[in-house]
């Protein structure tokens, strides 16, 4: 914040305006896409979820339920 002279809330608003997603939604989608990539390479789903940054399988499951088409 101090380095770029912009508030966190302003940055989040601009990010949403540019992407159509909140920062949290963007990160969740990127993690879910990473799980799909790892799964296509043959990794087990629980291991892929951990590798993609989810704390555990249940966190991955909850996140995947929020995304249409998962």
Protein backbone atom coordinates (compact mmCIF):
# COMPACT_ATOMS: atom_id res chain seq x y z
CA UNK A 1 0.00 0.00 0.00
CA UNK A 2 2.60 2.51 1.05
CA UNK A 3 4.84 1.67 -1.87
CA UNK A 4 2.18 2.28 -4.53
CA UNK A 5 0.14 4.96 -2.78
CA UNK A 6 -3.14 3.12 -3.25
CA UNK A 7 -5.53 1.76 -0.66
CA UNK A 8 -6.40 -1.91 -0.45
CA UNK A 9 -10.08 -1.22 -1.04
CA UNK A 10 -9.36 0.87 -4.14
CA UNK A 11 -7.06 -1.81 -5.52
CA UNK A 12 -9.78 -4.44 -4.96
CA UNK A 13 -12.38 -2.27 -6.72
CA UNK A 14 -10.10 -1.72 -9.70
CA UNK A 15 -9.25 -5.43 -9.85
CA UNK A 16 -12.94 -6.33 -9.91
CA UNK A 17 -13.63 -3.71 -12.55
CA UNK A 18 -10.86 -5.11 -14.75
CA UNK A 19 -11.53 -8.83 -14.26
CA UNK A 20 -15.15 -9.11 -13.19
CA UNK A 21 -13.98 -11.11 -10.16
CA UNK A 22 -12.94 -10.32 -6.64
CA UNK A 23 -9.34 -11.10 -5.74
CA UNK A 24 -10.55 -14.07 -3.66
CA UNK A 25 -12.66 -15.45 -6.53
CA UNK A 26 -9.71 -15.09 -8.91
CA UNK A 27 -7.37 -16.98 -6.60
CA UNK A 28 -9.97 -19.71 -6.05
CA UNK A 29 -10.43 -20.17 -9.81
CA UNK A 30 -6.70 -20.30 -10.43
CA UNK A 31 -6.31 -22.97 -7.75
CA UNK A 32 -9.18 -25.00 -9.18
CA UNK A 33 -7.66 -24.78 -12.65
CA UNK A 34 -4.36 -26.00 -11.19
CA UNK A 35 -6.13 -29.00 -9.64
CA UNK A 36 -7.58 -29.83 -13.06
CA UNK A 37 -4.11 -29.62 -14.65
CA UNK A 38 -2.60 -31.88 -12.01
CA UNK A 39 -5.48 -34.35 -12.31
CA UNK A 40 -5.00 -34.55 -16.07
CA UNK A 41 -1.39 -35.49 -15.36
CA UNK A 42 -2.54 -38.43 -13.26
CA UNK A 43 -2.22 -37.02 -9.76
CA UNK A 44 -4.75 -38.13 -7.15
CA UNK A 45 -7.37 -35.49 -6.38
CA UNK A 46 -6.46 -35.07 -2.71
CA UNK A 47 -2.79 -34.61 -3.55
CA UNK A 48 -3.64 -32.23 -6.39
CA UNK A 49 -5.80 -30.13 -4.05
CA UNK A 50 -2.95 -29.82 -1.55
CA UNK A 51 -0.44 -29.02 -4.30
CA UNK A 52 -2.73 -26.30 -5.67
CA UNK A 53 -2.87 -24.53 -2.30
CA UNK A 54 -6.00 -25.86 -0.63
CA UNK A 55 -5.50 -26.65 3.07
CA UNK A 56 -7.30 -29.96 2.80
CA UNK A 57 -9.73 -31.88 0.63
CA UNK A 58 -12.80 -30.37 2.30
CA UNK A 59 -11.61 -26.84 1.47
CA UNK A 60 -11.15 -27.93 -2.14
CA UNK A 61 -14.60 -29.52 -2.17
CA UNK A 62 -16.29 -26.37 -0.82
CA UNK A 63 -14.47 -24.21 -3.37
CA UNK A 64 -15.38 -26.51 -6.24
CA UNK A 65 -19.06 -26.38 -5.27
CA UNK A 66 -19.01 -22.59 -5.70
CA UNK A 67 -17.76 -22.87 -9.29
CA UNK A 68 -20.22 -23.83 -12.01
CA UNK A 69 -19.00 -26.71 -14.13
CA UNK A 70 -16.66 -28.19 -11.55
